Amino acid sequence: MFSMNTRSRPFWLSLSTILNRTQVLVVGFFALIWIALVAILVLSPEVYTQTLPKVGKDSLAGETSFLILLSALIALLLVGVFRRWRWTFWLVLIAFFFGLLRVPVSALQIARMIPASGPTWYEALQGVIGAGQFLIAIAMFTGYRKAGVWGEF
């Protein structure tokens, strides 16, 4: 009989035994969002300059502070996903359902029917993120209907 010691498993494999598909989907989404936030700050910092209000003279400090605060929020939500906190599930579910509103707003901003908050590629990215959030919310709700909070879809 073959038994695999959990200590010899790769990290990603042991995560898949701890988390179900719903949790992996939410964790993956948050990881991609964090990577996108850092990439935008490094590659196109003017997006932050355009969208964030000026607080002081040093915009880099403000942008970095914004990234640190968002990173802390994402970390708190990730802890909630790993620990299967009910309030985190409902917060993420409701916020992700409202992500659907980003799609028409982004389309209207790209069409220049309402003022854009950034470059065209940023508005398109916002629409894609909103659509992704909505799809994840549907999966989360399906899992909830099958097995309760943080249930697998």
C-alpha atoms as a PDB file:
ATOM      1  CA  MET A   1       0.000   0.000   0.000  1.00  0.00           C
ATOM      2  CA  PHE A   2       1.344   3.386  -1.005  1.00  0.00           C
ATOM      3  CA  SER A   3       0.839   6.363   1.276  1.00  0.00           C
ATOM      4  CA  MET A   4       2.037   9.800   0.492  1.00  0.00           C
ATOM      5  CA  ASN A   5       3.443  11.834   3.330  1.00  0.00           C
ATOM      6  CA  THR A   6       1.941  15.332   3.302  1.00  0.00           C
ATOM      7  CA  ARG A   7       5.336  16.844   4.111  1.00  0.00           C
ATOM      8  CA  SER A   8       6.788  15.588   0.841  1.00  0.00           C
ATOM      9  CA  ARG A   9       3.954  17.050  -1.262  1.00  0.00           C
ATOM     10  CA  PRO A  10       4.541  20.231  -3.208  1.00  0.00           C
ATOM     11  CA  PHE A  11       2.944  23.340  -1.734  1.00  0.00           C
ATOM     12  CA  TRP A  12       0.323  23.693  -4.493  1.00  0.00           C
ATOM     13  CA  LEU A  13      -0.779  20.077  -4.055  1.00  0.00           C
ATOM     14  CA  SER A  14      -1.228  20.417  -0.309  1.00  0.00           C
ATOM     15  CA  LEU A  15      -3.217  23.619  -0.869  1.00  0.00           C
ATOM     16  CA  SER A  16      -5.624  21.751  -3.120  1.00  0.00           C
ATOM     17  CA  THR A  17      -6.331  19.316  -0.289  1.00  0.00           C
ATOM     18  CA  ILE A  18      -6.980  22.168   2.154  1.00  0.00           C
ATOM     19  CA  LEU A  19      -9.101  24.352  -0.127  1.00  0.00           C
ATOM     20  CA  ASN A  20     -12.052  23.399  -2.282  1.00  0.00           C
ATOM     21  CA  ARG A  21     -12.613  24.664  -5.830  1.00  0.00           C
ATOM     22  CA  THR A  22     -14.591  27.699  -4.696  1.00  0.00           C
ATOM     23  CA  GLN A  23     -11.841  28.796  -2.340  1.00  0.00           C
ATOM     24  CA  VAL A  24      -9.110  28.157  -4.927  1.00  0.00           C
ATOM     25  CA  LEU A  25     -11.041  30.287  -7.422  1.00  0.00           C
ATOM     26  CA  VAL A  26     -11.340  33.203  -4.970  1.00  0.00           C
ATOM     27  CA  VAL A  27      -7.703  32.913  -3.833  1.00  0.00           C
ATOM     28  CA  GLY A  28      -6.544  32.787  -7.452  1.00  0.00           C
ATOM     29  CA  PHE A  29      -8.609  35.852  -8.317  1.00  0.00           C
ATOM     30  CA  PHE A  30      -7.173  37.827  -5.405  1.00  0.00           C
ATOM     31  CA  ALA A  31      -3.641  36.750  -6.366  1.00  0.00           C
ATOM     32  CA  LEU A  32      -4.161  37.922  -9.954  1.00  0.00           C
ATOM     33  CA  ILE A  33      -5.638  41.218  -8.772  1.00  0.00           C
ATOM     34  CA  TRP A  34      -2.683  41.840  -6.472  1.00  0.00           C
ATOM     35  CA  ILE A  35      -0.221  41.067  -9.281  1.00  0.00           C
ATOM     36  CA  ALA A  36      -2.140  43.468 -11.546  1.00  0.00           C
ATOM     37  CA  LEU A  37      -2.045  46.204  -8.879  1.00  0.00           C
ATOM     38  CA  VAL A  38       1.727  45.874  -8.524  1.00  0.00           C
ATOM     39  CA  ALA A  39       2.233  45.687 -12.301  1.00  0.00           C
ATOM     40  CA  ILE A  40       0.187  48.856 -12.834  1.00  0.00           C
ATOM     41  CA  LEU A  41       2.174  50.670 -10.129  1.00  0.00           C
ATOM     42  CA  VAL A  42       5.498  49.607 -11.679  1.00  0.00           C
ATOM     43  CA  LEU A  43       4.672  49.799 -15.393  1.00  0.00           C
ATOM     44  CA  SER A  44       2.093  52.574 -15.531  1.00  0.00           C
ATOM     45  CA  PRO A  45       2.091  54.649 -12.342  1.00  0.00           C
ATOM     46  CA  GLU A  46       0.230  57.478 -14.067  1.00  0.00           C
ATOM     47  CA  VAL A  47      -2.943  55.384 -13.731  1.00  0.00           C
ATOM     48  CA  TYR A  48      -2.713  55.746  -9.964  1.00  0.00           C
ATOM     49  CA  THR A  49      -1.878  59.440 -10.353  1.00  0.00           C
ATOM     50  CA  GLN A  50      -5.013  59.978 -12.478  1.00  0.00           C
ATOM     51  CA  THR A  51      -7.410  57.935 -10.359  1.00  0.00           C
ATOM     52  CA  LEU A  52      -6.242  58.709  -6.811  1.00  0.00           C
ATOM     53  CA  PRO A  53      -6.745  62.160  -5.328  1.00  0.00           C
ATOM     54  CA  LYS A  54      -3.564  64.043  -4.533  1.00  0.00           C
ATOM     55  CA  VAL A  55      -2.920  64.069  -0.811  1.00  0.00           C
ATOM     56  CA  GLY A  56       0.511  65.646  -0.716  1.00  0.00           C
ATOM     57  CA  LYS A  57       3.476  66.535  -2.875  1.00  0.00           C
ATOM     58  CA  ASP A  58       4.913  63.022  -3.096  1.00  0.00           C
ATOM     59  CA  SER A  59       2.597  60.960  -5.283  1.00  0.00           C
ATOM     60  CA  LEU A  60       4.849  57.870  -5.079  1.00  0.00           C
ATOM     61  CA  ALA A  61       4.363  57.719  -1.305  1.00  0.00           C
ATOM     62  CA  GLY A  62       0.592  57.987  -1.776  1.00  0.00           C
ATOM     63  CA  GLU A  63       0.547  55.297  -4.437  1.00  0.00           C
ATOM     64  CA  THR A  64       2.701  53.010  -2.304  1.00  0.00           C
ATOM     65  CA  SER A  65       0.500  53.610   0.737  1.00  0.00           C
ATOM     66  CA  PHE A  66      -2.556  52.792  -1.368  1.00  0.00           C
ATOM     67  CA  LEU A  67      -0.939  49.542  -2.520  1.00  0.00           C
ATOM     68  CA  ILE A  68       0.007  48.618   1.054  1.00  0.00           C
ATOM     69  CA  LEU A  69      -3.559  49.239   2.286  1.00  0.00           C
ATOM     70  CA  LEU A  70      -5.059  47.205  -0.544  1.00  0.00           C
ATOM     71  CA  SER A  71      -2.534  44.429   0.111  1.00  0.00           C
ATOM     72  CA  ALA A  72      -3.566  44.355   3.772  1.00  0.00           C
ATOM     73  CA  LEU A  73      -7.251  44.148   2.805  1.00  0.00           C
ATOM     74  CA  ILE A  74      -6.563  41.339   0.346  1.00  0.00           C
ATOM     75  CA  ALA A  75      -4.487  39.512   2.988  1.00  0.00           C
ATOM     76  CA  LEU A  76      -7.346  39.795   5.501  1.00  0.00           C
ATOM     77  CA  LEU A  77      -9.807  38.443   2.946  1.00  0.00           C
ATOM     78  CA  LEU A  78      -7.436  35.588   2.091  1.00  0.00           C
ATOM     79  CA  VAL A  79      -7.214  34.639   5.767  1.00  0.00           C
ATOM     80  CA  GLY A  80     -11.015  34.630   5.807  1.00  0.00           C
ATOM     81  CA  VAL A  81     -11.114  32.364   2.754  1.00  0.00           C
ATOM     82  CA  PHE A  82      -8.612  29.913   4.264  1.00  0.00           C
ATOM     83  CA  ARG A  83     -10.409  29.871   7.619  1.00  0.00           C
ATOM     84  CA  ARG A  84     -13.838  29.760   5.924  1.00  0.00           C
ATOM     85  CA  TRP A  85     -15.211  32.731   7.790  1.00  0.00           C
ATOM     86  CA  ARG A  86     -18.906  33.282   7.060  1.00  0.00           C
ATOM     87  CA  TRP A  87     -18.693  37.067   6.971  1.00  0.00           C
ATOM     88  CA  THR A  88     -15.880  36.882   4.428  1.00  0.00           C
ATOM     89  CA  PHE A  89     -17.961  34.626   2.205  1.00  0.00           C
ATOM     90  CA  TRP A  90     -20.916  37.008   2.219  1.00  0.00           C
ATOM     91  CA  LEU A  91     -18.758  40.099   1.767  1.00  0.00           C
ATOM     92  CA  VAL A  92     -16.919  38.604  -1.198  1.00  0.00           C
ATOM     93  CA  LEU A  93     -20.133  37.204  -2.702  1.00  0.00           C
ATOM     94  CA  ILE A  94     -21.988  40.533  -2.552  1.00  0.00           C
ATOM     95  CA  ALA A  95     -18.992  42.553  -3.763  1.00  0.00           C
ATOM     96  CA  PHE A  96     -18.404  40.134  -6.634  1.00  0.00           C
ATOM     97  CA  PHE A  97     -22.074  40.212  -7.675  1.00  0.00           C
ATOM     98  CA  PHE A  98     -21.824  43.999  -7.894  1.00  0.00           C
ATOM     99  CA  GLY A  99     -18.786  43.529 -10.143  1.00  0.00           C
ATOM    100  CA  LEU A 100     -21.297  43.114 -12.958  1.00  0.00           C
ATOM    101  CA  LEU A 101     -21.889  46.876 -12.781  1.00  0.00           C
ATOM    102  CA  ARG A 102     -18.313  47.468 -13.919  1.00  0.00           C
ATOM    103  CA  VAL A 103     -19.020  45.972 -17.339  1.00  0.00           C
ATOM    104  CA  PRO A 104     -21.501  48.574 -18.661  1.00  0.00           C
ATOM    105  CA  VAL A 105     -19.648  51.423 -16.923  1.00  0.00           C
ATOM    106  CA  SER A 106     -16.407  50.366 -18.608  1.00  0.00           C
ATOM    107  CA  ALA A 107     -18.177  50.095 -21.955  1.00  0.00           C
ATOM    108  CA  LEU A 108     -19.618  53.593 -21.548  1.00  0.00           C
ATOM    109  CA  GLN A 109     -16.212  54.973 -20.543  1.00  0.00           C
ATOM    110  CA  ILE A 110     -14.523  53.344 -23.520  1.00  0.00           C
ATOM    111  CA  ALA A 111     -17.255  54.776 -25.798  1.00  0.00           C
ATOM    112  CA  ARG A 112     -16.589  58.191 -24.178  1.00  0.00           C
ATOM    113  CA  MET A 113     -20.228  58.542 -23.145  1.00  0.00           C
ATOM    114  CA  ILE A 114     -19.128  59.126 -19.542  1.00  0.00           C
ATOM    115  CA  PRO A 115     -15.747  60.453 -18.367  1.00  0.00           C
ATOM    116  CA  ALA A 116     -13.024  57.832 -18.140  1.00  0.00           C
ATOM    117  CA  SER A 117     -10.983  57.497 -14.979  1.00  0.00           C
ATOM    118  CA  GLY A 118      -7.903  56.223 -16.804  1.00  0.00           C
ATOM    119  CA  PRO A 119      -6.550  55.103 -20.166  1.00  0.00           C
ATOM    120  CA  THR A 120      -8.661  52.911 -22.445  1.00  0.00           C
ATOM    121  CA  TRP A 121      -6.734  49.734 -21.585  1.00  0.00           C
ATOM    122  CA  TYR A 122      -7.414  50.377 -17.884  1.00  0.00           C
ATOM    123  CA  GLU A 123     -11.145  50.807 -18.494  1.00  0.00           C
ATOM    124  CA  ALA A 124     -11.194  47.563 -20.506  1.00  0.00           C
ATOM    125  CA  LEU A 125      -9.321  45.809 -17.689  1.00  0.00           C
ATOM    126  CA  GLN A 126     -11.914  47.078 -15.204  1.00  0.00           C
ATOM    127  CA  GLY A 127     -14.683  45.576 -17.354  1.00  0.00           C
ATOM    128  CA  VAL A 128     -12.906  42.218 -17.589  1.00  0.00           C
ATOM    129  CA  ILE A 129     -12.349  42.194 -13.820  1.00  0.00           C
ATOM    130  CA  GLY A 130     -16.030  42.967 -13.240  1.00  0.00           C
ATOM    131  CA  ALA A 131     -17.124  40.137 -15.527  1.00  0.00           C
ATOM    132  CA  GLY A 132     -14.723  37.764 -13.771  1.00  0.00           C
ATOM    133  CA  GLN A 133     -16.030  38.798 -10.370  1.00  0.00           C
ATOM    134  CA  PHE A 134     -19.596  38.150 -11.463  1.00  0.00           C
ATOM    135  CA  LEU A 135     -18.744  34.684 -12.793  1.00  0.00           C
ATOM    136  CA  ILE A 136     -16.982  33.822  -9.536  1.00  0.00           C
ATOM    137  CA  ALA A 137     -20.016  35.079  -7.595  1.00  0.00           C
ATOM    138  CA  ILE A 138     -22.246  32.727  -9.599  1.00  0.00           C
ATOM    139  CA  ALA A 139     -19.904  29.829  -8.796  1.00  0.00           C
ATOM    140  CA  MET A 140     -19.865  30.803  -5.109  1.00  0.00           C
ATOM    141  CA  PHE A 141     -23.662  30.985  -5.005  1.00  0.00           C
ATOM    142  CA  THR A 142     -23.922  27.594  -6.724  1.00  0.00           C
ATOM    143  CA  GLY A 143     -21.585  26.131  -4.099  1.00  0.00           C
ATOM    144  CA  TYR A 144     -23.613  27.768  -1.347  1.00  0.00           C
ATOM    145  CA  ARG A 145     -26.828  26.210  -2.664  1.00  0.00           C
ATOM    146  CA  LYS A 146     -25.166  22.776  -2.787  1.00  0.00           C
ATOM    147  CA  ALA A 147     -23.160  22.706   0.444  1.00  0.00           C
ATOM    148  CA  GLY A 148     -23.520  25.972   2.365  1.00  0.00           C
ATOM    149  CA  VAL A 149     -20.995  28.714   3.015  1.00  0.00           C
ATOM    150  CA  TRP A 150     -17.712  28.091   1.145  1.00  0.00           C
ATOM    151  CA  GLY A 151     -19.297  24.999  -0.404  1.00  0.00           C
ATOM    152  CA  GLU A 152     -17.766  23.615  -3.560  1.00  0.00           C
ATOM    153  CA  PHE A 153     -19.552  24.494  -6.801  1.00  0.00           C
END
